[in-house]
Amino acid sequence: MTTAADQRWLRGQRALRLATGTALCLAISFAVDLPIPIVAPVFAAFLLVTVNRPLSLKDGLRLVMVVALATGSGLLLVPLLRYYPSTGVLLIGLCLFLAFRYGLRGGNNLLATFLVVGLTMISAAGTASIDLAMTVVGALVKGLLLAVLVLALCHRLLPESARAPARPATPALSNDDIMRLALRAALVVLPAFLLALADPASYMPVIMKSVSLGRQSCTTSARGAARELLGSTLLGGVLAILFWFALKWFVHLWMFFLWMLLFALLVARKLYSLSPTRYTPSFWLNTLVTLIILLGQSVQDSVAGKDVYTAFAVRMGLFVAVTLYACLMVELLDTRRRLR
C-alpha cells in the first residue's frame, strides 16, 4: 500500500517527466528544423500524460506505423474535397465522429487523436497541393517518432515506481452518451477544418487547437464548459506572452529549453495536483498545449520576419473564437439532452 508521501513523490516524478519531455521535444524540433516543430511537443504532452510507462521498441514502431497509415488516409479524401467539396466535408465529419466514438468506446485514445489530426491537417493541406500534404504527413510521423523516443528517454531518467497504483478504469458510458460526446467533439473540430481549407498553411495551428478542444469537450459538462475551455485557452495565451518576453532577455536554444522546462513544470504541478487547484487535469493539459502552439508559431513568425505581435493577436483571436464555438456546442447538445 502506498502512503501519502509515496503518492506525492509519484506525482512529482510524473510532473517532472512531463515538463522534461515537453521541453526536450520543443528544443529538438527547432534545433533540427522539423517542418512543423509544434507537432512533437504536443504529441509528447499527450503521450506523457496518457502513458505512464515507456513504450517498447516494437510498440513504439507499431504506433508510428499505424499513425502513418491512419494519417495518410487523409490523402484519399483530397480528390473528393477538390471536385466534390460538399461530399468530402460530410465524409470528413463522419470520419471525425467515428474516430471520437472509437476512443470513447474504450479504444486507444491516442490513436483516435492522431487519426483526427491526420484526417483534418492532411486532407486540408492536400487541397492546396500534394507536396504540402506530404510535408504534413512527414511532419506528423517525425514528430510522433521524436515524441516516442523522448518518452523512452524520460522514463529512463525518471523511472516510474514499481509500487505505482494502476490507472483507474474509465467509467463506462452509455451508448447514448458515447454518440452525443462523439458528435459534440466532431462538431468542435469541423469548423476549424473548414477554415483551414481557405489557407491550409496558415491555419494548421487552429486545427491543432481544435483537436485539443475536441478531446477536452469529451470530459466537460455544459455547467463548466466556459470555465474549462475558455479559461484554459486564455491562460495558455497569457503564459505564451510571459514566455515570449522572458525569452527575449537572452535568445538562445538552451534558454528556450530551460524556460519551457520551467513553464511546463508550473503547469504540470497543477495537472498532477501537487499544488491545490479546482480545475481538472484536462484544463491544465489544454493550457499547456495552447502555450506550445502559440509560442512555437510566434518563434516561427520571428524567424520568417513577420510581425510577431500582429500574428499573435490574430491567432489568439481565432483560438478564442474556436473555443467560444466549442462552448456553444457543449451547451446546445447538453441542453437538448436535458430537455429529452
C-alpha atoms as a PDB file:
ATOM      1  CA  MET A   1       0.000   0.000   0.000  1.00  0.00           C
ATOM      2  CA  THR A   2       1.330   3.424  -0.952  1.00  0.00           C
ATOM      3  CA  THR A   3       1.437   6.190   1.665  1.00  0.00           C
ATOM      4  CA  ALA A   4       0.552   9.847   1.114  1.00  0.00           C
ATOM      5  CA  ALA A   5       4.276  10.665   0.848  1.00  0.00           C
ATOM      6  CA  ASP A   6       4.720   7.977  -1.812  1.00  0.00           C
ATOM      7  CA  GLN A   7       1.756   9.345  -3.749  1.00  0.00           C
ATOM      8  CA  ARG A   8       3.166  12.864  -3.654  1.00  0.00           C
ATOM      9  CA  TRP A   9       6.597  11.640  -4.768  1.00  0.00           C
ATOM     10  CA  LEU A  10       4.972   9.717  -7.634  1.00  0.00           C
ATOM     11  CA  ARG A  11       3.015  12.765  -8.787  1.00  0.00           C
ATOM     12  CA  GLY A  12       6.164  14.874  -8.564  1.00  0.00           C
ATOM     13  CA  GLN A  13       8.044  12.339 -10.682  1.00  0.00           C
ATOM     14  CA  ARG A  14       5.335  12.423 -13.328  1.00  0.00           C
ATOM     15  CA  ALA A  15       5.197  16.231 -13.327  1.00  0.00           C
ATOM     16  CA  LEU A  16       8.968  16.459 -13.811  1.00  0.00           C
ATOM     17  CA  ARG A  17       8.798  13.832 -16.565  1.00  0.00           C
ATOM     18  CA  LEU A  18       6.056  15.759 -18.401  1.00  0.00           C
ATOM     19  CA  ALA A  19       7.958  19.045 -18.182  1.00  0.00           C
ATOM     20  CA  THR A  20      11.284  17.497 -19.225  1.00  0.00           C
ATOM     21  CA  GLY A  21       9.807  15.585 -22.157  1.00  0.00           C
ATOM     22  CA  THR A  22       7.846  18.565 -23.465  1.00  0.00           C
ATOM     23  CA  ALA A  23      10.861  20.898 -23.218  1.00  0.00           C
ATOM     24  CA  LEU A  24      13.168  18.361 -24.889  1.00  0.00           C
ATOM     25  CA  CYS A  25      10.780  17.811 -27.793  1.00  0.00           C
ATOM     26  CA  LEU A  26      10.313  21.545 -28.316  1.00  0.00           C
ATOM     27  CA  ALA A  27      14.050  22.283 -28.272  1.00  0.00           C
ATOM     28  CA  ILE A  28      14.981  19.336 -30.520  1.00  0.00           C
ATOM     29  CA  SER A  29      12.200  20.156 -33.014  1.00  0.00           C
ATOM     30  CA  PHE A  30      13.536  23.684 -33.511  1.00  0.00           C
ATOM     31  CA  ALA A  31      17.180  22.556 -33.382  1.00  0.00           C
ATOM     32  CA  VAL A  32      16.775  20.060 -36.244  1.00  0.00           C
ATOM     33  CA  ASP A  33      14.265  22.313 -38.055  1.00  0.00           C
ATOM     34  CA  LEU A  34      11.334  19.912 -38.314  1.00  0.00           C
ATOM     35  CA  PRO A  35       8.672  21.033 -40.854  1.00  0.00           C
ATOM     36  CA  ILE A  36       6.025  21.730 -38.162  1.00  0.00           C
ATOM     37  CA  PRO A  37       8.007  21.966 -34.917  1.00  0.00           C
ATOM     38  CA  ILE A  38       4.984  22.263 -32.611  1.00  0.00           C
ATOM     39  CA  VAL A  39       3.793  18.744 -33.506  1.00  0.00           C
ATOM     40  CA  ALA A  40       6.401  16.803 -31.495  1.00  0.00           C
ATOM     41  CA  PRO A  41       5.947  18.651 -28.157  1.00  0.00           C
ATOM     42  CA  VAL A  42       2.149  18.499 -28.457  1.00  0.00           C
ATOM     43  CA  PHE A  43       2.294  14.750 -29.146  1.00  0.00           C
ATOM     44  CA  ALA A  44       4.806  14.352 -26.300  1.00  0.00           C
ATOM     45  CA  ALA A  45       2.447  16.104 -23.880  1.00  0.00           C
ATOM     46  CA  PHE A  46      -0.415  13.783 -24.873  1.00  0.00           C
ATOM     47  CA  LEU A  47       1.843  10.700 -24.588  1.00  0.00           C
ATOM     48  CA  LEU A  48       3.408  11.617 -21.246  1.00  0.00           C
ATOM     49  CA  VAL A  49       0.037  12.385 -19.655  1.00  0.00           C
ATOM     50  CA  THR A  50      -1.657   9.289 -21.056  1.00  0.00           C
ATOM     51  CA  VAL A  51       1.124   6.656 -20.836  1.00  0.00           C
ATOM     52  CA  ASN A  52       2.873   6.082 -17.510  1.00  0.00           C
ATOM     53  CA  ARG A  53       5.358   3.560 -18.854  1.00  0.00           C
ATOM     54  CA  PRO A  54       7.898   3.561 -21.683  1.00  0.00           C
ATOM     55  CA  LEU A  55       6.826   2.002 -24.963  1.00  0.00           C
ATOM     56  CA  SER A  56       8.951  -0.908 -26.132  1.00  0.00           C
ATOM     57  CA  LEU A  57      10.774  -0.525 -29.432  1.00  0.00           C
ATOM     58  CA  LYS A  58       8.251  -2.827 -31.075  1.00  0.00           C
ATOM     59  CA  ASP A  59       5.227  -0.991 -29.634  1.00  0.00           C
ATOM     60  CA  GLY A  60       6.716   2.401 -30.496  1.00  0.00           C
ATOM     61  CA  LEU A  61       7.401   1.470 -34.109  1.00  0.00           C
ATOM     62  CA  ARG A  62       3.983  -0.140 -34.373  1.00  0.00           C
ATOM     63  CA  LEU A  63       2.328   3.047 -33.102  1.00  0.00           C
ATOM     64  CA  VAL A  64       4.284   5.174 -35.575  1.00  0.00           C
ATOM     65  CA  MET A  65       3.383   2.855 -38.475  1.00  0.00           C
ATOM     66  CA  VAL A  66      -0.288   2.725 -37.526  1.00  0.00           C
ATOM     67  CA  VAL A  67      -0.426   6.501 -37.205  1.00  0.00           C
ATOM     68  CA  ALA A  68       1.404   6.924 -40.532  1.00  0.00           C
ATOM     69  CA  LEU A  69      -1.184   4.729 -42.250  1.00  0.00           C
ATOM     70  CA  ALA A  70      -4.083   6.360 -40.394  1.00  0.00           C
ATOM     71  CA  THR A  71      -2.973   9.910 -41.112  1.00  0.00           C
ATOM     72  CA  GLY A  72      -2.053   9.034 -44.682  1.00  0.00           C
ATOM     73  CA  SER A  73      -5.661   8.018 -45.221  1.00  0.00           C
ATOM     74  CA  GLY A  74      -6.424  11.739 -45.333  1.00  0.00           C
ATOM     75  CA  LEU A  75      -4.756  11.795 -48.753  1.00  0.00           C
ATOM     76  CA  LEU A  76      -7.542   9.549 -50.075  1.00  0.00           C
ATOM     77  CA  LEU A  77     -10.096  12.261 -49.336  1.00  0.00           C
ATOM     78  CA  VAL A  78      -8.254  15.011 -51.215  1.00  0.00           C
ATOM     79  CA  PRO A  79      -9.865  14.265 -54.652  1.00  0.00           C
ATOM     80  CA  LEU A  80     -13.322  14.393 -53.056  1.00  0.00           C
ATOM     81  CA  LEU A  81     -12.575  17.742 -51.406  1.00  0.00           C
ATOM     82  CA  ARG A  82     -11.269  19.149 -54.696  1.00  0.00           C
ATOM     83  CA  TYR A  83     -14.005  18.008 -57.045  1.00  0.00           C
ATOM     84  CA  TYR A  84     -16.960  17.261 -54.726  1.00  0.00           C
ATOM     85  CA  PRO A  85     -16.353  19.555 -51.731  1.00  0.00           C
ATOM     86  CA  SER A  86     -19.740  19.077 -50.062  1.00  0.00           C
ATOM     87  CA  THR A  87     -19.442  15.293 -50.154  1.00  0.00           C
ATOM     88  CA  GLY A  88     -15.835  15.480 -48.981  1.00  0.00           C
ATOM     89  CA  VAL A  89     -16.670  17.695 -45.978  1.00  0.00           C
ATOM     90  CA  LEU A  90     -19.553  15.422 -44.967  1.00  0.00           C
ATOM     91  CA  LEU A  91     -17.288  12.388 -45.211  1.00  0.00           C
ATOM     92  CA  ILE A  92     -14.626  14.120 -43.095  1.00  0.00           C
ATOM     93  CA  GLY A  93     -17.285  14.921 -40.493  1.00  0.00           C
ATOM     94  CA  LEU A  94     -18.392  11.277 -40.442  1.00  0.00           C
ATOM     95  CA  CYS A  95     -14.790  10.076 -40.044  1.00  0.00           C
ATOM     96  CA  LEU A  96     -14.238  12.514 -37.158  1.00  0.00           C
ATOM     97  CA  PHE A  97     -17.369  11.212 -35.453  1.00  0.00           C
ATOM     98  CA  LEU A  98     -16.230   7.594 -35.879  1.00  0.00           C
ATOM     99  CA  ALA A  99     -12.722   8.371 -34.598  1.00  0.00           C
ATOM    100  CA  PHE A 100     -14.002  10.053 -31.431  1.00  0.00           C
ATOM    101  CA  ARG A 101     -16.578   7.287 -30.927  1.00  0.00           C
ATOM    102  CA  TYR A 102     -13.801   4.697 -31.177  1.00  0.00           C
ATOM    103  CA  GLY A 103     -11.882   6.421 -28.369  1.00  0.00           C
ATOM    104  CA  LEU A 104     -14.963   6.816 -26.150  1.00  0.00           C
ATOM    105  CA  ARG A 105     -15.849   3.140 -26.539  1.00  0.00           C
ATOM    106  CA  GLY A 106     -12.603   2.110 -24.870  1.00  0.00           C
ATOM    107  CA  GLY A 107     -10.307   2.219 -27.879  1.00  0.00           C
ATOM    108  CA  ASN A 108      -6.840   3.752 -27.888  1.00  0.00           C
ATOM    109  CA  ASN A 109      -7.445   7.464 -27.241  1.00  0.00           C
ATOM    110  CA  LEU A 110      -4.014   8.389 -28.580  1.00  0.00           C
ATOM    111  CA  LEU A 111      -4.690   6.612 -31.860  1.00  0.00           C
ATOM    112  CA  ALA A 112      -8.084   8.320 -32.096  1.00  0.00           C
ATOM    113  CA  THR A 113      -6.434  11.722 -31.537  1.00  0.00           C
ATOM    114  CA  PHE A 114      -3.725  11.091 -34.135  1.00  0.00           C
ATOM    115  CA  LEU A 115      -6.362   9.910 -36.608  1.00  0.00           C
ATOM    116  CA  VAL A 116      -8.348  13.130 -36.106  1.00  0.00           C
ATOM    117  CA  VAL A 117      -5.190  15.221 -36.601  1.00  0.00           C
ATOM    118  CA  GLY A 118      -4.279  13.328 -39.763  1.00  0.00           C
ATOM    119  CA  LEU A 119      -7.750  13.455 -41.281  1.00  0.00           C
ATOM    120  CA  THR A 120      -8.041  17.204 -40.834  1.00  0.00           C
ATOM    121  CA  MET A 121      -4.496  18.528 -41.344  1.00  0.00           C
ATOM    122  CA  ILE A 122      -3.512  16.287 -44.251  1.00  0.00           C
ATOM    123  CA  SER A 123      -6.747  16.495 -46.203  1.00  0.00           C
ATOM    124  CA  ALA A 124      -6.813  20.303 -45.767  1.00  0.00           C
ATOM    125  CA  ALA A 125      -3.182  20.565 -46.906  1.00  0.00           C
ATOM    126  CA  GLY A 126      -3.913  18.311 -49.895  1.00  0.00           C
ATOM    127  CA  THR A 127      -6.485  20.758 -51.237  1.00  0.00           C
ATOM    128  CA  ALA A 128      -3.656  23.292 -51.651  1.00  0.00           C
ATOM    129  CA  SER A 129      -1.032  20.905 -53.044  1.00  0.00           C
ATOM    130  CA  ILE A 130       0.011  17.281 -52.722  1.00  0.00           C
ATOM    131  CA  ASP A 131       3.536  18.409 -51.846  1.00  0.00           C
ATOM    132  CA  LEU A 132       2.207  20.296 -48.837  1.00  0.00           C
ATOM    133  CA  ALA A 133       0.160  17.267 -47.804  1.00  0.00           C
ATOM    134  CA  MET A 134       3.226  15.010 -47.986  1.00  0.00           C
ATOM    135  CA  THR A 135       5.157  17.563 -45.919  1.00  0.00           C
ATOM    136  CA  VAL A 136       2.452  17.422 -43.255  1.00  0.00           C
ATOM    137  CA  VAL A 137       2.488  13.596 -43.294  1.00  0.00           C
ATOM    138  CA  GLY A 138       6.250  13.640 -42.826  1.00  0.00           C
ATOM    139  CA  ALA A 139       5.963  16.230 -40.044  1.00  0.00           C
ATOM    140  CA  LEU A 140       3.378  14.161 -38.157  1.00  0.00           C
ATOM    141  CA  VAL A 141       5.366  10.923 -38.444  1.00  0.00           C
ATOM    142  CA  LYS A 142       8.682  12.567 -37.499  1.00  0.00           C
ATOM    143  CA  GLY A 143       7.031  14.425 -34.632  1.00  0.00           C
ATOM    144  CA  LEU A 144       5.457  11.249 -33.258  1.00  0.00           C
ATOM    145  CA  LEU A 145       8.713   9.307 -33.618  1.00  0.00           C
ATOM    146  CA  LEU A 146      10.568  12.025 -31.705  1.00  0.00           C
ATOM    147  CA  ALA A 147       7.853  12.045 -29.011  1.00  0.00           C
ATOM    148  CA  VAL A 148       8.138   8.241 -28.598  1.00  0.00           C
ATOM    149  CA  LEU A 149      11.944   8.442 -28.295  1.00  0.00           C
ATOM    150  CA  VAL A 150      11.730  11.262 -25.749  1.00  0.00           C
ATOM    151  CA  LEU A 151       9.111   9.265 -23.814  1.00  0.00           C
ATOM    152  CA  ALA A 152      11.566   6.367 -23.541  1.00  0.00           C
ATOM    153  CA  LEU A 153      14.405   8.697 -22.508  1.00  0.00           C
ATOM    154  CA  CYS A 154      12.304  10.415 -19.837  1.00  0.00           C
ATOM    155  CA  HIS A 155      11.276   7.079 -18.346  1.00  0.00           C
ATOM    156  CA  ARG A 156      14.936   6.061 -18.290  1.00  0.00           C
ATOM    157  CA  LEU A 157      15.912   9.262 -16.482  1.00  0.00           C
ATOM    158  CA  LEU A 158      12.801   9.414 -14.275  1.00  0.00           C
ATOM    159  CA  PRO A 159      11.502   5.852 -13.980  1.00  0.00           C
ATOM    160  CA  GLU A 160       8.016   5.024 -12.770  1.00  0.00           C
ATOM    161  CA  SER A 161       7.831   3.459  -9.326  1.00  0.00           C
ATOM    162  CA  ALA A 162       7.204  -0.283  -9.260  1.00  0.00           C
ATOM    163  CA  ARG A 163       4.640   0.340  -6.492  1.00  0.00           C
ATOM    164  CA  ALA A 164       2.688   2.849  -8.555  1.00  0.00           C
ATOM    165  CA  PRO A 165      -1.030   2.002  -8.485  1.00  0.00           C
ATOM    166  CA  ALA A 166      -2.699   1.028 -11.713  1.00  0.00           C
ATOM    167  CA  ARG A 167      -4.530   3.754 -13.570  1.00  0.00           C
ATOM    168  CA  PRO A 168      -8.211   3.677 -12.536  1.00  0.00           C
ATOM    169  CA  ALA A 169     -10.551   2.296 -15.138  1.00  0.00           C
ATOM    170  CA  THR A 170     -12.506   4.845 -17.134  1.00  0.00           C
ATOM    171  CA  PRO A 171     -16.194   4.767 -16.175  1.00  0.00           C
ATOM    172  CA  ALA A 172     -18.283   3.041 -18.815  1.00  0.00           C
ATOM    173  CA  LEU A 173     -20.558   5.342 -20.796  1.00  0.00           C
ATOM    174  CA  SER A 174     -23.966   4.523 -22.164  1.00  0.00           C
ATOM    175  CA  ASN A 175     -24.347   4.242 -25.908  1.00  0.00           C
ATOM    176  CA  ASP A 176     -26.392   7.463 -25.996  1.00  0.00           C
ATOM    177  CA  ASP A 177     -23.664   9.356 -24.128  1.00  0.00           C
ATOM    178  CA  ILE A 178     -20.963   7.981 -26.433  1.00  0.00           C
ATOM    179  CA  MET A 179     -22.886   9.074 -29.522  1.00  0.00           C
ATOM    180  CA  ARG A 180     -23.579  12.522 -28.044  1.00  0.00           C
ATOM    181  CA  LEU A 181     -19.997  13.156 -26.941  1.00  0.00           C
ATOM    182  CA  ALA A 182     -18.546  11.901 -30.234  1.00  0.00           C
ATOM    183  CA  LEU A 183     -20.923  14.144 -32.196  1.00  0.00           C
ATOM    184  CA  ARG A 184     -20.038  17.098 -29.968  1.00  0.00           C
ATOM    185  CA  ALA A 185     -16.293  16.583 -30.414  1.00  0.00           C
ATOM    186  CA  ALA A 186     -16.664  16.217 -34.200  1.00  0.00           C
ATOM    187  CA  LEU A 187     -18.689  19.437 -34.386  1.00  0.00           C
ATOM    188  CA  VAL A 188     -15.994  21.222 -32.352  1.00  0.00           C
ATOM    189  CA  VAL A 189     -13.236  20.200 -34.794  1.00  0.00           C
ATOM    190  CA  LEU A 190     -15.119  20.603 -38.080  1.00  0.00           C
ATOM    191  CA  PRO A 191     -15.281  24.456 -38.294  1.00  0.00           C
ATOM    192  CA  ALA A 192     -11.502  24.746 -37.812  1.00  0.00           C
ATOM    193  CA  PHE A 193     -11.070  22.258 -40.652  1.00  0.00           C
ATOM    194  CA  LEU A 194     -13.370  24.323 -42.894  1.00  0.00           C
ATOM    195  CA  LEU A 195     -11.376  27.443 -42.014  1.00  0.00           C
ATOM    196  CA  ALA A 196      -8.135  25.662 -42.896  1.00  0.00           C
ATOM    197  CA  LEU A 197      -9.455  24.808 -46.362  1.00  0.00           C
ATOM    198  CA  ALA A 198      -9.146  28.506 -47.245  1.00  0.00           C
ATOM    199  CA  ASP A 199      -5.432  28.687 -46.348  1.00  0.00           C
ATOM    200  CA  PRO A 200      -4.038  25.366 -45.047  1.00  0.00           C
ATOM    201  CA  ALA A 201      -0.505  26.622 -44.365  1.00  0.00           C
ATOM    202  CA  SER A 202      -1.723  29.441 -42.108  1.00  0.00           C
ATOM    203  CA  TYR A 203      -4.428  27.613 -40.164  1.00  0.00           C
ATOM    204  CA  MET A 204      -2.651  24.400 -39.126  1.00  0.00           C
ATOM    205  CA  PRO A 205      -2.270  25.719 -35.536  1.00  0.00           C
ATOM    206  CA  VAL A 206      -6.034  26.319 -35.376  1.00  0.00           C
ATOM    207  CA  ILE A 207      -6.641  22.677 -36.299  1.00  0.00           C
ATOM    208  CA  MET A 208      -4.243  21.516 -33.568  1.00  0.00           C
ATOM    209  CA  LYS A 209      -6.071  23.719 -31.078  1.00  0.00           C
ATOM    210  CA  SER A 210      -9.497  22.449 -32.154  1.00  0.00           C
ATOM    211  CA  VAL A 211      -8.364  18.818 -31.768  1.00  0.00           C
ATOM    212  CA  SER A 212      -7.260  19.601 -28.210  1.00  0.00           C
ATOM    213  CA  LEU A 213     -10.654  21.226 -27.561  1.00  0.00           C
ATOM    214  CA  GLY A 214     -12.417  18.212 -29.062  1.00  0.00           C
ATOM    215  CA  ARG A 215     -10.600  15.920 -26.640  1.00  0.00           C
ATOM    216  CA  GLN A 216     -11.391  18.224 -23.737  1.00  0.00           C
ATOM    217  CA  SER A 217     -15.065  18.529 -24.682  1.00  0.00           C
ATOM    218  CA  CYS A 218     -15.479  14.773 -24.174  1.00  0.00           C
ATOM    219  CA  THR A 219     -14.941  15.260 -20.417  1.00  0.00           C
ATOM    220  CA  THR A 220     -16.563  18.671 -19.938  1.00  0.00           C
ATOM    221  CA  SER A 221     -20.164  19.328 -18.975  1.00  0.00           C
ATOM    222  CA  ALA A 222     -22.158  22.377 -20.031  1.00  0.00           C
ATOM    223  CA  ARG A 223     -22.030  23.641 -16.462  1.00  0.00           C
ATOM    224  CA  GLY A 224     -18.280  24.198 -16.533  1.00  0.00           C
ATOM    225  CA  ALA A 225     -17.675  24.489 -20.270  1.00  0.00           C
ATOM    226  CA  ALA A 226     -16.837  28.204 -20.331  1.00  0.00           C
ATOM    227  CA  ARG A 227     -14.510  27.933 -17.342  1.00  0.00           C
ATOM    228  CA  GLU A 228     -12.763  24.804 -18.645  1.00  0.00           C
ATOM    229  CA  LEU A 229     -12.466  25.544 -22.360  1.00  0.00           C
ATOM    230  CA  LEU A 230     -12.217  29.333 -22.479  1.00  0.00           C
ATOM    231  CA  GLY A 231     -10.270  29.614 -19.218  1.00  0.00           C
ATOM    232  CA  SER A 232      -7.561  27.186 -20.340  1.00  0.00           C
ATOM    233  CA  THR A 233      -7.265  28.941 -23.719  1.00  0.00           C
ATOM    234  CA  LEU A 234      -6.866  32.400 -22.178  1.00  0.00           C
ATOM    235  CA  LEU A 235      -4.416  31.124 -19.550  1.00  0.00           C
ATOM    236  CA  GLY A 236      -2.346  29.459 -22.268  1.00  0.00           C
ATOM    237  CA  GLY A 237      -2.248  32.769 -24.143  1.00  0.00           C
ATOM    238  CA  VAL A 238      -1.109  34.674 -21.039  1.00  0.00           C
ATOM    239  CA  LEU A 239       1.642  32.124 -20.374  1.00  0.00           C
ATOM    240  CA  ALA A 240       2.763  32.357 -24.011  1.00  0.00           C
ATOM    241  CA  ILE A 241       3.089  36.155 -23.690  1.00  0.00           C
ATOM    242  CA  LEU A 242       5.101  35.837 -20.473  1.00  0.00           C
ATOM    243  CA  PHE A 243       7.291  33.155 -22.057  1.00  0.00           C
ATOM    244  CA  TRP A 244       7.949  35.332 -25.122  1.00  0.00           C
ATOM    245  CA  PHE A 245       9.111  38.343 -23.113  1.00  0.00           C
ATOM    246  CA  ALA A 246      11.196  36.130 -20.822  1.00  0.00           C
ATOM    247  CA  LEU A 247      12.868  34.565 -23.865  1.00  0.00           C
ATOM    248  CA  LYS A 248      13.724  37.998 -25.278  1.00  0.00           C
ATOM    249  CA  TRP A 249      16.125  38.637 -22.389  1.00  0.00           C
ATOM    250  CA  PHE A 250      18.565  36.106 -23.810  1.00  0.00           C
ATOM    251  CA  VAL A 251      17.706  34.408 -27.100  1.00  0.00           C
ATOM    252  CA  HIS A 252      19.373  31.008 -27.208  1.00  0.00           C
ATOM    253  CA  LEU A 253      18.255  27.424 -27.787  1.00  0.00           C
ATOM    254  CA  TRP A 254      19.325  26.357 -24.301  1.00  0.00           C
ATOM    255  CA  MET A 255      17.320  29.190 -22.761  1.00  0.00           C
ATOM    256  CA  PHE A 256      14.380  28.136 -24.927  1.00  0.00           C
ATOM    257  CA  PHE A 257      14.654  24.657 -23.382  1.00  0.00           C
ATOM    258  CA  LEU A 258      15.083  25.952 -19.817  1.00  0.00           C
ATOM    259  CA  TRP A 259      12.176  28.412 -19.993  1.00  0.00           C
ATOM    260  CA  MET A 260       9.935  25.698 -21.480  1.00  0.00           C
ATOM    261  CA  LEU A 261      11.014  23.366 -18.690  1.00  0.00           C
ATOM    262  CA  LEU A 262      10.054  25.971 -16.083  1.00  0.00           C
ATOM    263  CA  PHE A 263       6.667  26.875 -17.597  1.00  0.00           C
ATOM    264  CA  ALA A 264       5.740  23.245 -18.267  1.00  0.00           C
ATOM    265  CA  LEU A 265       6.697  22.325 -14.707  1.00  0.00           C
ATOM    266  CA  LEU A 266       4.437  25.051 -13.317  1.00  0.00           C
ATOM    267  CA  VAL A 267       1.522  23.669 -15.348  1.00  0.00           C
ATOM    268  CA  ALA A 268       2.417  20.031 -14.552  1.00  0.00           C
ATOM    269  CA  ARG A 269       2.323  20.765 -10.803  1.00  0.00           C
ATOM    270  CA  LYS A 270      -1.285  21.824 -11.228  1.00  0.00           C
ATOM    271  CA  LEU A 271      -2.110  18.948 -13.559  1.00  0.00           C
ATOM    272  CA  TYR A 272      -0.883  16.343 -11.057  1.00  0.00           C
ATOM    273  CA  SER A 273      -2.405  18.139  -8.030  1.00  0.00           C
ATOM    274  CA  LEU A 274       0.935  18.936  -6.389  1.00  0.00           C
ATOM    275  CA  SER A 275      -0.473  22.422  -5.938  1.00  0.00           C
ATOM    276  CA  PRO A 276      -4.159  22.565  -4.909  1.00  0.00           C
ATOM    277  CA  THR A 277      -6.499  23.605  -7.714  1.00  0.00           C
ATOM    278  CA  ARG A 278     -10.181  23.263  -8.517  1.00  0.00           C
ATOM    279  CA  TYR A 279      -9.558  22.693 -12.209  1.00  0.00           C
ATOM    280  CA  THR A 280      -9.385  19.295 -13.894  1.00  0.00           C
ATOM    281  CA  PRO A 281      -6.262  17.732 -15.468  1.00  0.00           C
ATOM    282  CA  SER A 282      -7.781  18.287 -18.931  1.00  0.00           C
ATOM    283  CA  PHE A 283      -7.878  22.039 -18.191  1.00  0.00           C
ATOM    284  CA  TRP A 284      -4.139  22.118 -17.489  1.00  0.00           C
ATOM    285  CA  LEU A 285      -3.278  19.853 -20.418  1.00  0.00           C
ATOM    286  CA  ASN A 286      -5.181  22.156 -22.778  1.00  0.00           C
ATOM    287  CA  THR A 287      -3.375  25.131 -21.204  1.00  0.00           C
ATOM    288  CA  LEU A 288      -0.004  23.507 -21.914  1.00  0.00           C
ATOM    289  CA  VAL A 289      -0.970  22.613 -25.498  1.00  0.00           C
ATOM    290  CA  THR A 290      -2.185  26.174 -26.140  1.00  0.00           C
ATOM    291  CA  LEU A 291       1.082  27.555 -24.759  1.00  0.00           C
ATOM    292  CA  ILE A 292       3.148  25.288 -27.033  1.00  0.00           C
ATOM    293  CA  ILE A 293       1.161  26.131 -30.176  1.00  0.00           C
ATOM    294  CA  LEU A 294       1.120  29.902 -29.642  1.00  0.00           C
ATOM    295  CA  LEU A 295       4.753  30.097 -28.608  1.00  0.00           C
ATOM    296  CA  GLY A 296       6.015  27.823 -31.393  1.00  0.00           C
ATOM    297  CA  GLN A 297       4.171  29.789 -34.047  1.00  0.00           C
ATOM    298  CA  SER A 298       5.469  33.102 -32.671  1.00  0.00           C
ATOM    299  CA  VAL A 299       9.053  31.833 -32.870  1.00  0.00           C
ATOM    300  CA  GLN A 300       8.468  30.709 -36.461  1.00  0.00           C
ATOM    301  CA  ASP A 301       6.935  34.105 -37.314  1.00  0.00           C
ATOM    302  CA  SER A 302      10.003  35.808 -35.864  1.00  0.00           C
ATOM    303  CA  VAL A 303      12.367  33.652 -37.943  1.00  0.00           C
ATOM    304  CA  ALA A 304      10.321  34.370 -41.082  1.00  0.00           C
ATOM    305  CA  GLY A 305      10.494  38.128 -40.437  1.00  0.00           C
ATOM    306  CA  LYS A 306       6.758  38.567 -39.825  1.00  0.00           C
ATOM    307  CA  ASP A 307       5.137  40.980 -37.383  1.00  0.00           C
ATOM    308  CA  VAL A 308       5.022  38.670 -34.354  1.00  0.00           C
ATOM    309  CA  TYR A 309       2.587  40.747 -32.278  1.00  0.00           C
ATOM    310  CA  THR A 310       0.015  41.178 -35.039  1.00  0.00           C
ATOM    311  CA  ALA A 311       0.212  37.495 -35.930  1.00  0.00           C
ATOM    312  CA  PHE A 312      -0.169  36.527 -32.274  1.00  0.00           C
ATOM    313  CA  ALA A 313      -3.202  38.787 -31.842  1.00  0.00           C
ATOM    314  CA  VAL A 314      -4.896  37.308 -34.926  1.00  0.00           C
ATOM    315  CA  ARG A 315      -4.067  33.752 -33.854  1.00  0.00           C
ATOM    316  CA  MET A 316      -5.265  34.333 -30.307  1.00  0.00           C
ATOM    317  CA  GLY A 317      -8.487  35.831 -31.628  1.00  0.00           C
ATOM    318  CA  LEU A 318      -9.054  32.714 -33.737  1.00  0.00           C
ATOM    319  CA  PHE A 319      -8.339  30.484 -30.753  1.00  0.00           C
ATOM    320  CA  VAL A 320     -10.865  32.371 -28.629  1.00  0.00           C
ATOM    321  CA  ALA A 321     -13.459  32.211 -31.425  1.00  0.00           C
ATOM    322  CA  VAL A 322     -12.962  28.449 -31.840  1.00  0.00           C
ATOM    323  CA  THR A 323     -13.210  27.996 -28.069  1.00  0.00           C
ATOM    324  CA  LEU A 324     -16.417  30.036 -27.807  1.00  0.00           C
ATOM    325  CA  TYR A 325     -17.893  27.915 -30.571  1.00  0.00           C
ATOM    326  CA  ALA A 326     -16.875  24.769 -28.651  1.00  0.00           C
ATOM    327  CA  CYS A 327     -18.619  26.138 -25.542  1.00  0.00           C
ATOM    328  CA  LEU A 328     -21.737  26.772 -27.641  1.00  0.00           C
ATOM    329  CA  MET A 329     -21.750  23.192 -28.961  1.00  0.00           C
ATOM    330  CA  VAL A 330     -21.364  21.794 -25.455  1.00  0.00           C
ATOM    331  CA  GLU A 331     -24.235  23.956 -24.196  1.00  0.00           C
ATOM    332  CA  LEU A 332     -26.584  23.192 -27.091  1.00  0.00           C
ATOM    333  CA  LEU A 333     -26.132  19.417 -27.054  1.00  0.00           C
ATOM    334  CA  ASP A 334     -26.301  19.164 -23.255  1.00  0.00           C
ATOM    335  CA  THR A 335     -29.444  21.328 -23.221  1.00  0.00           C
ATOM    336  CA  ARG A 336     -31.016  19.042 -25.816  1.00  0.00           C
ATOM    337  CA  ARG A 337     -30.202  16.023 -23.650  1.00  0.00           C
ATOM    338  CA  ARG A 338     -31.763  17.644 -20.555  1.00  0.00           C
ATOM    339  CA  LEU A 339     -34.917  18.506 -22.474  1.00  0.00           C
ATOM    340  CA  ARG A 340     -35.218  14.910 -23.660  1.00  0.00           C
END
